[in-house]
Amino acid sequence: MLILVAYMRISGALVALGWDGIWSMGQMVVEGDLDYRITRPAPVVLQVGTSHIGLQAFGDLLVAGAMLVYGWHGAGIGPDPAAIGSAALLMACATAIQLSLMTSLNCICFWIKGRATPFAFTAVELEGTVGHYPMDIYPAVAKALLTFGLPFAFINFIPAQIVTDRLSATWILAPVAAALTSLAIMGLVLKAGLRSYESAGH
C-alpha cells in the first residue's frame, strides 16, 4: 500500500514541480496570451507547462519518498540494482502518464473556452480517491475504465505489482506502452487545439 500511494504521489509531485503552468492554459486561451508564445521558436506546450513551479510539490516528494523507502524495505525487496532500475523506469512512465493526462484534459479549454477545465480537476480528484486503493477492489467495469479509459492503473497499481513481484517482469512493457500512448494522444489533442485557437476576443 505504501508503494502504491508513493508512486501516485511522487509522479504527481514531479509533474507539479516542473509542469504546473499547464493549469493556466485555459486562462491563456481566453485572454489571448498564447499569441506571444506561438510566435516564439520553443514549443507552445513547453512554454506554458514550465511557466510555473509548483512549490507545494517539495513536501509531497519528501513525504512520498519516505513512504516509498519504508514500503520498499517492508516488502523485503532490498538494494537490487535491477529492481531499482525497473522501479525508476516505472516512475518515469507514471510521471509521463500524469503529465500527458493533465495536459490533454487542460487542452479541452481550446473548445469550451473557459479559464479552467472541470475535466482536469475532476480527474485529479478521482485519482486521489481511487489511487489510494488496489484496483482489485473495484468492479470489473470500473477497473477497465480506470485502466484503459483514464490510465490510473498504470500510474501506481501495476507498477506496485511489478516492483513487489506480484506480476512478472514482462509486465513492465505495459506501463511503457501506456506512457507512449498517452504522450501520443497528448500531442494529437494539443495539435488539434492549437489549430482551433482563435486568439483574444473570440
N, C-alpha and C. Protein backbone atom coordinates (compact mmCIF):
# COMPACT_ATOMS: atom_id res chain seq x y z
N MET A 1 0.82 -1.20 0.00
CA MET A 1 0.00 0.00 0.00
C MET A 1 0.86 1.26 0.00
N LEU A 2 1.97 1.24 0.74
CA LEU A 2 2.85 2.40 0.77
C LEU A 2 3.47 2.66 -0.60
N ILE A 3 3.90 1.60 -1.27
CA ILE A 3 4.46 1.75 -2.61
C ILE A 3 3.39 2.24 -3.58
N LEU A 4 2.18 1.73 -3.43
CA LEU A 4 1.06 2.12 -4.28
C LEU A 4 0.83 3.63 -4.19
N VAL A 5 0.70 4.14 -2.98
CA VAL A 5 0.44 5.56 -2.78
C VAL A 5 1.65 6.40 -3.17
N ALA A 6 2.85 5.90 -2.87
CA ALA A 6 4.07 6.65 -3.17
C ALA A 6 4.22 6.90 -4.67
N TYR A 7 3.91 5.89 -5.48
CA TYR A 7 4.02 6.08 -6.93
C TYR A 7 3.08 7.18 -7.42
N MET A 8 1.87 7.18 -6.90
CA MET A 8 0.91 8.20 -7.30
C MET A 8 1.37 9.59 -6.86
N ARG A 9 1.83 9.70 -5.61
CA ARG A 9 2.22 11.00 -5.06
C ARG A 9 3.51 11.54 -5.68
N ILE A 10 4.50 10.68 -5.86
CA ILE A 10 5.77 11.15 -6.40
C ILE A 10 5.62 11.58 -7.85
N SER A 11 4.94 10.76 -8.66
CA SER A 11 4.77 11.13 -10.07
C SER A 11 3.95 12.41 -10.19
N GLY A 12 2.92 12.55 -9.37
CA GLY A 12 2.13 13.77 -9.38
C GLY A 12 2.94 14.98 -8.95
N ALA A 13 3.79 14.80 -7.95
CA ALA A 13 4.62 15.90 -7.47
C ALA A 13 5.65 16.32 -8.50
N LEU A 14 6.22 15.36 -9.22
CA LEU A 14 7.19 15.68 -10.26
C LEU A 14 6.55 16.50 -11.38
N VAL A 15 5.32 16.15 -11.73
CA VAL A 15 4.59 16.92 -12.74
C VAL A 15 4.32 18.33 -12.23
N ALA A 16 3.87 18.42 -10.98
CA ALA A 16 3.58 19.74 -10.40
C ALA A 16 4.83 20.59 -10.30
N LEU A 17 5.95 19.96 -10.02
CA LEU A 17 7.20 20.70 -9.84
C LEU A 17 7.68 21.35 -11.14
N GLY A 18 7.58 20.63 -12.23
CA GLY A 18 8.10 21.16 -13.48
C GLY A 18 7.08 21.53 -14.53
N TRP A 19 5.80 21.24 -14.26
CA TRP A 19 4.79 21.38 -15.32
C TRP A 19 3.51 22.02 -14.77
N ASP A 20 3.61 22.76 -13.69
CA ASP A 20 2.42 23.31 -13.04
C ASP A 20 1.75 24.40 -13.88
N GLY A 21 2.49 24.98 -14.80
CA GLY A 21 1.92 26.03 -15.63
C GLY A 21 0.82 25.57 -16.55
N ILE A 22 0.71 24.26 -16.75
CA ILE A 22 -0.32 23.75 -17.67
C ILE A 22 -1.72 24.10 -17.17
N TRP A 23 -1.85 24.35 -15.86
CA TRP A 23 -3.16 24.72 -15.32
C TRP A 23 -3.59 26.12 -15.73
N SER A 24 -2.69 26.89 -16.30
CA SER A 24 -3.04 28.24 -16.77
C SER A 24 -3.38 28.26 -18.25
N MET A 25 -3.43 27.09 -18.88
CA MET A 25 -3.72 27.02 -20.31
C MET A 25 -5.06 27.69 -20.63
N GLY A 26 -6.10 27.40 -19.84
CA GLY A 26 -7.41 27.97 -20.10
C GLY A 26 -7.40 29.49 -20.05
N GLN A 27 -6.74 30.03 -19.05
CA GLN A 27 -6.64 31.49 -18.92
C GLN A 27 -5.91 32.10 -20.11
N MET A 28 -4.85 31.44 -20.56
CA MET A 28 -4.09 31.95 -21.70
C MET A 28 -4.91 31.91 -22.98
N VAL A 29 -5.74 30.89 -23.13
CA VAL A 29 -6.59 30.79 -24.31
C VAL A 29 -7.63 31.90 -24.31
N VAL A 30 -8.28 32.12 -23.18
CA VAL A 30 -9.33 33.13 -23.08
C VAL A 30 -8.77 34.54 -23.27
N GLU A 31 -7.62 34.80 -22.68
CA GLU A 31 -7.05 36.14 -22.72
C GLU A 31 -6.15 36.39 -23.93
N GLY A 32 -5.93 35.36 -24.73
CA GLY A 32 -5.10 35.53 -25.92
C GLY A 32 -3.61 35.55 -25.63
N ASP A 33 -3.22 35.09 -24.45
CA ASP A 33 -1.80 35.10 -24.08
C ASP A 33 -0.96 34.11 -24.89
N LEU A 34 -1.63 33.20 -25.59
CA LEU A 34 -0.87 32.25 -26.39
C LEU A 34 -0.28 32.89 -27.64
N ASP A 35 -0.82 34.05 -28.03
CA ASP A 35 -0.33 34.71 -29.25
C ASP A 35 1.18 34.90 -29.20
N TYR A 36 1.65 35.43 -28.08
CA TYR A 36 3.08 35.69 -27.91
C TYR A 36 3.88 34.40 -27.96
N ARG A 37 3.35 33.36 -27.30
CA ARG A 37 4.08 32.10 -27.23
C ARG A 37 4.11 31.37 -28.57
N ILE A 38 3.08 31.55 -29.38
CA ILE A 38 3.04 30.90 -30.69
C ILE A 38 4.13 31.47 -31.61
N THR A 39 4.45 32.74 -31.42
CA THR A 39 5.45 33.38 -32.29
C THR A 39 6.88 33.03 -31.89
N ARG A 40 7.05 32.44 -30.74
CA ARG A 40 8.40 32.09 -30.27
C ARG A 40 8.80 30.72 -30.82
N PRO A 41 10.11 30.46 -30.97
CA PRO A 41 10.55 29.19 -31.57
C PRO A 41 10.34 27.96 -30.67
N ALA A 42 10.23 28.14 -29.38
CA ALA A 42 10.06 27.00 -28.48
C ALA A 42 8.62 26.45 -28.59
N PRO A 43 8.44 25.14 -28.37
CA PRO A 43 7.09 24.57 -28.41
C PRO A 43 6.15 25.27 -27.43
N VAL A 44 4.93 25.53 -27.88
CA VAL A 44 3.95 26.26 -27.06
C VAL A 44 3.69 25.54 -25.75
N VAL A 45 3.47 24.23 -25.81
CA VAL A 45 3.13 23.48 -24.60
C VAL A 45 4.28 23.51 -23.60
N LEU A 46 5.51 23.53 -24.09
CA LEU A 46 6.67 23.60 -23.20
C LEU A 46 6.72 24.96 -22.49
N GLN A 47 6.41 26.01 -23.22
CA GLN A 47 6.40 27.35 -22.63
C GLN A 47 5.31 27.48 -21.56
N VAL A 48 4.15 26.91 -21.86
CA VAL A 48 3.03 27.01 -20.91
C VAL A 48 3.28 26.12 -19.70
N GLY A 49 3.65 24.88 -19.94
CA GLY A 49 3.84 23.93 -18.85
C GLY A 49 4.89 24.34 -17.85
N THR A 50 5.97 24.94 -18.34
CA THR A 50 7.07 25.32 -17.45
C THR A 50 6.98 26.76 -16.95
N SER A 51 5.84 27.41 -17.18
CA SER A 51 5.70 28.81 -16.78
C SER A 51 5.52 28.99 -15.28
N HIS A 52 5.18 27.92 -14.57
CA HIS A 52 5.03 27.98 -13.11
C HIS A 52 5.72 26.78 -12.48
N ILE A 53 6.17 26.96 -11.27
CA ILE A 53 6.76 25.87 -10.49
C ILE A 53 5.86 25.61 -9.29
N GLY A 54 5.42 24.37 -9.14
CA GLY A 54 4.56 24.00 -8.02
C GLY A 54 5.40 23.75 -6.77
N LEU A 55 5.62 24.79 -5.99
CA LEU A 55 6.48 24.65 -4.81
C LEU A 55 5.92 23.68 -3.78
N GLN A 56 4.58 23.47 -3.80
CA GLN A 56 3.98 22.55 -2.85
C GLN A 56 4.45 21.11 -3.10
N ALA A 57 5.03 20.88 -4.28
CA ALA A 57 5.46 19.53 -4.63
C ALA A 57 6.63 19.05 -3.79
N PHE A 58 7.43 19.99 -3.24
CA PHE A 58 8.58 19.58 -2.45
C PHE A 58 8.16 18.78 -1.22
N GLY A 59 7.09 19.21 -0.56
CA GLY A 59 6.59 18.48 0.59
C GLY A 59 6.08 17.11 0.22
N ASP A 60 5.36 17.03 -0.92
CA ASP A 60 4.85 15.75 -1.39
C ASP A 60 5.99 14.80 -1.72
N LEU A 61 7.04 15.33 -2.35
CA LEU A 61 8.18 14.48 -2.70
C LEU A 61 8.86 13.93 -1.45
N LEU A 62 8.98 14.76 -0.43
CA LEU A 62 9.63 14.33 0.80
C LEU A 62 8.84 13.24 1.50
N VAL A 63 7.54 13.47 1.67
CA VAL A 63 6.70 12.50 2.37
C VAL A 63 6.55 11.21 1.55
N ALA A 64 6.25 11.36 0.26
CA ALA A 64 6.05 10.18 -0.58
C ALA A 64 7.35 9.41 -0.77
N GLY A 65 8.48 10.13 -0.81
CA GLY A 65 9.77 9.44 -0.90
C GLY A 65 10.04 8.58 0.32
N ALA A 66 9.70 9.10 1.49
CA ALA A 66 9.85 8.33 2.73
C ALA A 66 8.92 7.11 2.71
N MET A 67 7.71 7.29 2.20
CA MET A 67 6.77 6.18 2.10
C MET A 67 7.31 5.09 1.18
N LEU A 68 7.91 5.52 0.06
CA LEU A 68 8.45 4.55 -0.89
C LEU A 68 9.59 3.76 -0.27
N VAL A 69 10.49 4.44 0.41
CA VAL A 69 11.63 3.77 1.04
C VAL A 69 11.16 2.79 2.11
N TYR A 70 10.21 3.24 2.94
CA TYR A 70 9.70 2.37 4.01
C TYR A 70 8.94 1.17 3.42
N GLY A 71 8.12 1.43 2.39
CA GLY A 71 7.39 0.35 1.75
C GLY A 71 8.32 -0.63 1.05
N TRP A 72 9.36 -0.08 0.43
CA TRP A 72 10.36 -0.92 -0.26
C TRP A 72 11.03 -1.85 0.75
N HIS A 73 11.44 -1.29 1.87
CA HIS A 73 12.08 -2.10 2.91
C HIS A 73 11.10 -3.10 3.50
N GLY A 74 9.87 -2.67 3.73
CA GLY A 74 8.87 -3.57 4.31
C GLY A 74 8.51 -4.72 3.40
N ALA A 75 8.60 -4.50 2.08
CA ALA A 75 8.29 -5.56 1.12
C ALA A 75 9.47 -6.51 0.95
N GLY A 76 10.60 -6.19 1.58
CA GLY A 76 11.75 -7.08 1.52
C GLY A 76 12.43 -7.11 0.17
N ILE A 77 12.39 -6.01 -0.57
CA ILE A 77 12.95 -6.01 -1.92
C ILE A 77 14.46 -5.92 -1.88
N GLY A 78 15.01 -5.06 -1.04
CA GLY A 78 16.46 -4.95 -0.93
C GLY A 78 17.05 -4.04 -2.01
N PRO A 79 18.35 -3.75 -1.90
CA PRO A 79 19.03 -2.83 -2.83
C PRO A 79 19.46 -3.51 -4.13
N ASP A 80 18.58 -4.22 -4.76
CA ASP A 80 18.89 -4.91 -6.01
C ASP A 80 18.93 -3.90 -7.16
N PRO A 81 20.04 -3.77 -7.88
CA PRO A 81 20.14 -2.78 -8.96
C PRO A 81 19.07 -2.96 -10.04
N ALA A 82 18.74 -4.22 -10.36
CA ALA A 82 17.72 -4.47 -11.38
C ALA A 82 16.36 -3.98 -10.91
N ALA A 83 16.05 -4.22 -9.63
CA ALA A 83 14.76 -3.78 -9.09
C ALA A 83 14.70 -2.25 -9.03
N ILE A 84 15.82 -1.63 -8.66
CA ILE A 84 15.86 -0.16 -8.59
C ILE A 84 15.71 0.43 -9.99
N GLY A 85 16.35 -0.18 -10.98
CA GLY A 85 16.24 0.29 -12.36
C GLY A 85 14.82 0.16 -12.87
N SER A 86 14.19 -0.98 -12.58
CA SER A 86 12.80 -1.17 -13.01
C SER A 86 11.87 -0.17 -12.32
N ALA A 87 12.11 0.05 -11.03
CA ALA A 87 11.28 1.00 -10.29
C ALA A 87 11.42 2.41 -10.84
N ALA A 88 12.64 2.78 -11.22
CA ALA A 88 12.88 4.11 -11.79
C ALA A 88 12.19 4.26 -13.14
N LEU A 89 12.27 3.22 -13.97
CA LEU A 89 11.60 3.25 -15.27
C LEU A 89 10.09 3.37 -15.10
N LEU A 90 9.55 2.62 -14.15
CA LEU A 90 8.11 2.67 -13.88
C LEU A 90 7.69 4.04 -13.36
N MET A 91 8.56 4.67 -12.57
CA MET A 91 8.26 6.02 -12.08
C MET A 91 8.26 7.01 -13.23
N ALA A 92 9.20 6.85 -14.16
CA ALA A 92 9.24 7.73 -15.33
C ALA A 92 7.97 7.56 -16.17
N CYS A 93 7.52 6.32 -16.32
CA CYS A 93 6.28 6.07 -17.06
C CYS A 93 5.09 6.69 -16.35
N ALA A 94 5.02 6.54 -15.03
CA ALA A 94 3.92 7.11 -14.26
C ALA A 94 3.90 8.63 -14.39
N THR A 95 5.07 9.24 -14.36
CA THR A 95 5.16 10.70 -14.49
C THR A 95 4.72 11.14 -15.88
N ALA A 96 5.14 10.40 -16.91
CA ALA A 96 4.74 10.73 -18.28
C ALA A 96 3.23 10.62 -18.46
N ILE A 97 2.63 9.60 -17.86
CA ILE A 97 1.17 9.44 -17.95
C ILE A 97 0.46 10.58 -17.24
N GLN A 98 0.93 10.91 -16.04
CA GLN A 98 0.35 12.03 -15.29
C GLN A 98 0.43 13.32 -16.10
N LEU A 99 1.60 13.61 -16.64
CA LEU A 99 1.81 14.83 -17.42
C LEU A 99 0.91 14.85 -18.65
N SER A 100 0.85 13.73 -19.36
CA SER A 100 0.04 13.66 -20.58
C SER A 100 -1.44 13.83 -20.27
N LEU A 101 -1.88 13.19 -19.22
CA LEU A 101 -3.30 13.25 -18.86
C LEU A 101 -3.71 14.66 -18.47
N MET A 102 -2.91 15.31 -17.63
CA MET A 102 -3.24 16.67 -17.20
C MET A 102 -3.18 17.66 -18.36
N THR A 103 -2.20 17.46 -19.25
CA THR A 103 -2.08 18.35 -20.40
C THR A 103 -3.26 18.18 -21.34
N SER A 104 -3.60 16.94 -21.66
CA SER A 104 -4.72 16.69 -22.57
C SER A 104 -6.03 17.24 -22.02
N LEU A 105 -6.28 17.02 -20.74
CA LEU A 105 -7.54 17.49 -20.15
C LEU A 105 -7.58 19.01 -20.04
N ASN A 106 -6.44 19.65 -19.81
CA ASN A 106 -6.41 21.11 -19.77
C ASN A 106 -6.54 21.71 -21.17
N CYS A 107 -6.15 20.96 -22.20
CA CYS A 107 -6.27 21.45 -23.57
C CYS A 107 -7.72 21.47 -24.05
N ILE A 108 -8.63 20.86 -23.30
CA ILE A 108 -10.04 20.92 -23.68
C ILE A 108 -10.55 22.36 -23.67
N CYS A 109 -9.83 23.24 -22.94
CA CYS A 109 -10.22 24.65 -22.89
C CYS A 109 -10.18 25.31 -24.27
N PHE A 110 -9.47 24.73 -25.23
CA PHE A 110 -9.46 25.28 -26.58
C PHE A 110 -10.86 25.25 -27.20
N TRP A 111 -11.68 24.30 -26.75
CA TRP A 111 -13.02 24.16 -27.32
C TRP A 111 -14.12 24.69 -26.40
N ILE A 112 -13.96 24.56 -25.09
CA ILE A 112 -15.03 25.03 -24.20
C ILE A 112 -14.83 26.48 -23.79
N LYS A 113 -13.68 27.08 -24.14
CA LYS A 113 -13.41 28.50 -23.91
C LYS A 113 -13.62 28.91 -22.46
N GLY A 114 -13.04 28.19 -21.56
CA GLY A 114 -13.13 28.54 -20.14
C GLY A 114 -11.75 28.73 -19.55
N ARG A 115 -11.68 29.47 -18.44
CA ARG A 115 -10.39 29.71 -17.80
C ARG A 115 -9.83 28.46 -17.14
N ALA A 116 -10.68 27.51 -16.86
CA ALA A 116 -10.24 26.24 -16.27
C ALA A 116 -11.18 25.15 -16.74
N THR A 117 -10.65 23.96 -16.94
CA THR A 117 -11.49 22.86 -17.39
C THR A 117 -11.87 21.99 -16.19
N PRO A 118 -13.15 21.75 -16.01
CA PRO A 118 -13.55 20.88 -14.90
C PRO A 118 -13.06 19.45 -15.06
N PHE A 119 -12.74 19.07 -16.29
CA PHE A 119 -12.31 17.70 -16.54
C PHE A 119 -10.98 17.41 -15.86
N ALA A 120 -10.05 18.35 -15.93
CA ALA A 120 -8.73 18.14 -15.31
C ALA A 120 -8.85 18.07 -13.79
N PHE A 121 -9.63 18.98 -13.21
CA PHE A 121 -9.81 18.97 -11.75
C PHE A 121 -10.52 17.70 -11.29
N THR A 122 -11.52 17.27 -12.08
CA THR A 122 -12.24 16.04 -11.73
C THR A 122 -11.32 14.83 -11.78
N ALA A 123 -10.44 14.80 -12.79
CA ALA A 123 -9.50 13.68 -12.92
C ALA A 123 -8.55 13.62 -11.73
N VAL A 124 -8.08 14.78 -11.28
CA VAL A 124 -7.18 14.83 -10.12
C VAL A 124 -7.89 14.33 -8.87
N GLU A 125 -9.13 14.77 -8.67
CA GLU A 125 -9.90 14.33 -7.52
C GLU A 125 -10.19 12.84 -7.58
N LEU A 126 -10.52 12.35 -8.77
CA LEU A 126 -10.80 10.93 -8.94
C LEU A 126 -9.56 10.09 -8.67
N GLU A 127 -8.43 10.53 -9.20
CA GLU A 127 -7.19 9.79 -8.96
C GLU A 127 -6.84 9.76 -7.48
N GLY A 128 -7.03 10.90 -6.81
CA GLY A 128 -6.74 10.96 -5.38
C GLY A 128 -7.63 10.06 -4.56
N THR A 129 -8.82 9.76 -5.10
CA THR A 129 -9.76 8.89 -4.39
C THR A 129 -9.48 7.43 -4.66
N VAL A 130 -9.45 7.06 -5.93
CA VAL A 130 -9.30 5.64 -6.28
C VAL A 130 -7.85 5.17 -6.20
N GLY A 131 -6.89 6.11 -6.32
CA GLY A 131 -5.49 5.72 -6.35
C GLY A 131 -4.91 5.27 -5.03
N HIS A 132 -5.66 5.44 -3.95
CA HIS A 132 -5.17 5.01 -2.64
C HIS A 132 -5.47 3.53 -2.35
N TYR A 133 -6.18 2.90 -3.29
CA TYR A 133 -6.58 1.51 -3.06
C TYR A 133 -6.21 0.65 -4.26
N PRO A 134 -5.96 -0.64 -4.05
CA PRO A 134 -5.66 -1.54 -5.17
C PRO A 134 -6.85 -1.63 -6.11
N MET A 135 -6.59 -1.72 -7.40
CA MET A 135 -7.65 -1.81 -8.40
C MET A 135 -8.50 -3.06 -8.24
N ASP A 136 -7.96 -4.06 -7.58
CA ASP A 136 -8.67 -5.33 -7.42
C ASP A 136 -9.98 -5.18 -6.65
N ILE A 137 -10.11 -4.12 -5.86
CA ILE A 137 -11.31 -3.99 -5.04
C ILE A 137 -12.49 -3.43 -5.83
N TYR A 138 -12.23 -2.92 -7.03
CA TYR A 138 -13.30 -2.29 -7.82
C TYR A 138 -13.97 -3.30 -8.75
N PRO A 139 -15.23 -3.05 -9.12
CA PRO A 139 -15.91 -3.93 -10.08
C PRO A 139 -15.16 -3.95 -11.42
N ALA A 140 -15.45 -4.98 -12.21
CA ALA A 140 -14.71 -5.17 -13.47
C ALA A 140 -14.85 -3.97 -14.40
N VAL A 141 -16.04 -3.41 -14.49
CA VAL A 141 -16.26 -2.28 -15.40
C VAL A 141 -15.44 -1.07 -14.95
N ALA A 142 -15.49 -0.76 -13.66
CA ALA A 142 -14.72 0.37 -13.12
C ALA A 142 -13.23 0.12 -13.30
N LYS A 143 -12.81 -1.09 -13.07
CA LYS A 143 -11.39 -1.43 -13.22
C LYS A 143 -10.94 -1.23 -14.66
N ALA A 144 -11.78 -1.62 -15.62
CA ALA A 144 -11.44 -1.44 -17.04
C ALA A 144 -11.36 0.04 -17.40
N LEU A 145 -12.29 0.84 -16.89
CA LEU A 145 -12.29 2.28 -17.17
C LEU A 145 -11.08 2.96 -16.56
N LEU A 146 -10.68 2.52 -15.37
CA LEU A 146 -9.53 3.13 -14.68
C LEU A 146 -8.20 2.60 -15.19
N THR A 147 -8.26 1.64 -16.10
CA THR A 147 -7.04 1.10 -16.70
C THR A 147 -6.87 1.59 -18.13
N PHE A 148 -7.96 1.54 -18.91
CA PHE A 148 -7.86 1.87 -20.33
C PHE A 148 -8.55 3.18 -20.70
N GLY A 149 -9.45 3.68 -19.85
CA GLY A 149 -10.08 4.98 -20.11
C GLY A 149 -9.19 6.08 -19.57
N LEU A 150 -9.17 6.22 -18.27
CA LEU A 150 -8.20 7.07 -17.58
C LEU A 150 -7.15 6.11 -17.01
N PRO A 151 -5.95 6.11 -17.54
CA PRO A 151 -4.97 5.04 -17.23
C PRO A 151 -4.34 5.14 -15.85
N PHE A 152 -5.18 5.27 -14.81
CA PHE A 152 -4.66 5.39 -13.45
C PHE A 152 -3.93 4.13 -12.99
N ALA A 153 -4.37 2.97 -13.47
CA ALA A 153 -3.75 1.72 -13.03
C ALA A 153 -2.28 1.65 -13.42
N PHE A 154 -1.92 2.29 -14.53
CA PHE A 154 -0.53 2.27 -14.98
C PHE A 154 0.33 3.28 -14.23
N ILE A 155 -0.30 4.15 -13.44
CA ILE A 155 0.46 5.12 -12.65
C ILE A 155 0.97 4.50 -11.37
N ASN A 156 0.12 3.72 -10.69
CA ASN A 156 0.59 3.17 -9.41
C ASN A 156 0.27 1.70 -9.17
N PHE A 157 -0.90 1.22 -9.57
CA PHE A 157 -1.27 -0.15 -9.23
C PHE A 157 -0.38 -1.17 -9.93
N ILE A 158 -0.27 -1.08 -11.24
CA ILE A 158 0.54 -2.04 -11.98
C ILE A 158 2.03 -1.89 -11.64
N PRO A 159 2.58 -0.67 -11.54
CA PRO A 159 3.98 -0.57 -11.09
C PRO A 159 4.22 -1.19 -9.72
N ALA A 160 3.29 -0.98 -8.78
CA ALA A 160 3.45 -1.57 -7.45
C ALA A 160 3.43 -3.09 -7.52
N GLN A 161 2.58 -3.64 -8.39
CA GLN A 161 2.51 -5.09 -8.56
C GLN A 161 3.81 -5.64 -9.15
N ILE A 162 4.39 -4.89 -10.09
CA ILE A 162 5.63 -5.34 -10.72
C ILE A 162 6.79 -5.27 -9.72
N VAL A 163 6.90 -4.16 -9.01
CA VAL A 163 8.00 -3.96 -8.07
C VAL A 163 7.99 -5.02 -6.96
N THR A 164 6.80 -5.41 -6.52
CA THR A 164 6.68 -6.38 -5.44
C THR A 164 6.56 -7.82 -5.94
N ASP A 165 6.85 -8.03 -7.24
CA ASP A 165 6.87 -9.37 -7.86
C ASP A 165 5.51 -10.06 -7.88
N ARG A 166 4.43 -9.30 -7.81
CA ARG A 166 3.12 -9.90 -7.96
C ARG A 166 2.75 -10.06 -9.43
N LEU A 167 3.47 -9.36 -10.29
CA LEU A 167 3.38 -9.52 -11.73
C LEU A 167 4.77 -9.81 -12.26
N SER A 168 4.86 -10.53 -13.35
CA SER A 168 6.16 -10.88 -13.91
C SER A 168 6.84 -9.65 -14.51
N ALA A 169 8.15 -9.76 -14.71
CA ALA A 169 8.93 -8.63 -15.21
C ALA A 169 8.50 -8.18 -16.60
N THR A 170 7.91 -9.10 -17.38
CA THR A 170 7.48 -8.74 -18.74
C THR A 170 6.35 -7.71 -18.72
N TRP A 171 5.66 -7.59 -17.58
CA TRP A 171 4.59 -6.61 -17.46
C TRP A 171 5.11 -5.18 -17.51
N ILE A 172 6.41 -5.00 -17.39
CA ILE A 172 6.97 -3.65 -17.42
C ILE A 172 6.71 -2.97 -18.77
N LEU A 173 6.46 -3.80 -19.80
CA LEU A 173 6.16 -3.24 -21.12
C LEU A 173 4.81 -2.54 -21.14
N ALA A 174 3.89 -2.94 -20.26
CA ALA A 174 2.55 -2.34 -20.26
C ALA A 174 2.58 -0.87 -19.85
N PRO A 175 3.23 -0.50 -18.73
CA PRO A 175 3.32 0.93 -18.40
C PRO A 175 4.09 1.74 -19.44
N VAL A 176 5.11 1.13 -20.05
CA VAL A 176 5.86 1.83 -21.09
C VAL A 176 4.95 2.13 -22.27
N ALA A 177 4.17 1.12 -22.70
CA ALA A 177 3.23 1.32 -23.81
C ALA A 177 2.17 2.35 -23.45
N ALA A 178 1.69 2.30 -22.20
CA ALA A 178 0.67 3.27 -21.76
C ALA A 178 1.23 4.69 -21.77
N ALA A 179 2.48 4.84 -21.35
CA ALA A 179 3.10 6.17 -21.33
C ALA A 179 3.28 6.71 -22.75
N LEU A 180 3.76 5.88 -23.66
CA LEU A 180 3.96 6.31 -25.04
C LEU A 180 2.63 6.65 -25.70
N THR A 181 1.61 5.84 -25.43
CA THR A 181 0.28 6.11 -25.98
C THR A 181 -0.29 7.41 -25.44
N SER A 182 -0.12 7.63 -24.14
CA SER A 182 -0.62 8.86 -23.52
C SER A 182 0.07 10.09 -24.10
N LEU A 183 1.37 10.01 -24.31
CA LEU A 183 2.11 11.13 -24.90
C LEU A 183 1.66 11.39 -26.33
N ALA A 184 1.39 10.31 -27.08
CA ALA A 184 0.93 10.47 -28.47
C ALA A 184 -0.45 11.13 -28.51
N ILE A 185 -1.34 10.70 -27.62
CA ILE A 185 -2.67 11.30 -27.55
C ILE A 185 -2.58 12.77 -27.16
N MET A 186 -1.71 13.07 -26.21
CA MET A 186 -1.49 14.46 -25.80
C MET A 186 -1.06 15.31 -26.99
N GLY A 187 -0.14 14.79 -27.79
CA GLY A 187 0.33 15.52 -28.96
C GLY A 187 -0.79 15.80 -29.95
N LEU A 188 -1.66 14.81 -30.18
CA LEU A 188 -2.77 14.99 -31.11
C LEU A 188 -3.78 16.00 -30.59
N VAL A 189 -4.10 15.92 -29.29
CA VAL A 189 -5.05 16.86 -28.70
C VAL A 189 -4.50 18.28 -28.75
N LEU A 190 -3.23 18.42 -28.41
CA LEU A 190 -2.60 19.75 -28.42
C LEU A 190 -2.57 20.33 -29.83
N LYS A 191 -2.22 19.51 -30.80
CA LYS A 191 -2.17 19.97 -32.19
C LYS A 191 -3.54 20.42 -32.68
N ALA A 192 -4.56 19.63 -32.36
CA ALA A 192 -5.92 19.99 -32.75
C ALA A 192 -6.38 21.26 -32.04
N GLY A 193 -6.01 21.40 -30.77
CA GLY A 193 -6.39 22.58 -30.00
C GLY A 193 -5.76 23.85 -30.54
N LEU A 194 -4.48 23.78 -30.88
CA LEU A 194 -3.79 24.95 -31.42
C LEU A 194 -4.35 25.35 -32.78
N ARG A 195 -4.80 24.37 -33.56
CA ARG A 195 -5.41 24.68 -34.85
C ARG A 195 -6.73 25.43 -34.68
N SER A 196 -7.43 25.13 -33.58
CA SER A 196 -8.72 25.78 -33.34
C SER A 196 -8.61 27.09 -32.56
N TYR A 197 -7.41 27.42 -32.13
CA TYR A 197 -7.20 28.64 -31.33
C TYR A 197 -7.50 29.89 -32.16
N GLU A 198 -8.30 30.80 -31.62
CA GLU A 198 -8.77 31.97 -32.36
C GLU A 198 -8.23 33.28 -31.82
N SER A 199 -7.26 33.24 -30.94
CA SER A 199 -6.66 34.43 -30.37
C SER A 199 -7.63 35.16 -29.45
N ALA A 200 -7.24 36.33 -28.96
CA ALA A 200 -8.05 37.07 -27.99
C ALA A 200 -9.33 37.61 -28.64
N GLY A 201 -10.36 37.74 -27.82
CA GLY A 201 -11.61 38.33 -28.29
C GLY A 201 -12.57 37.37 -28.93
N HIS A 202 -12.25 36.06 -28.93
CA HIS A 202 -13.13 35.08 -29.55
C HIS A 202 -13.55 34.03 -28.53
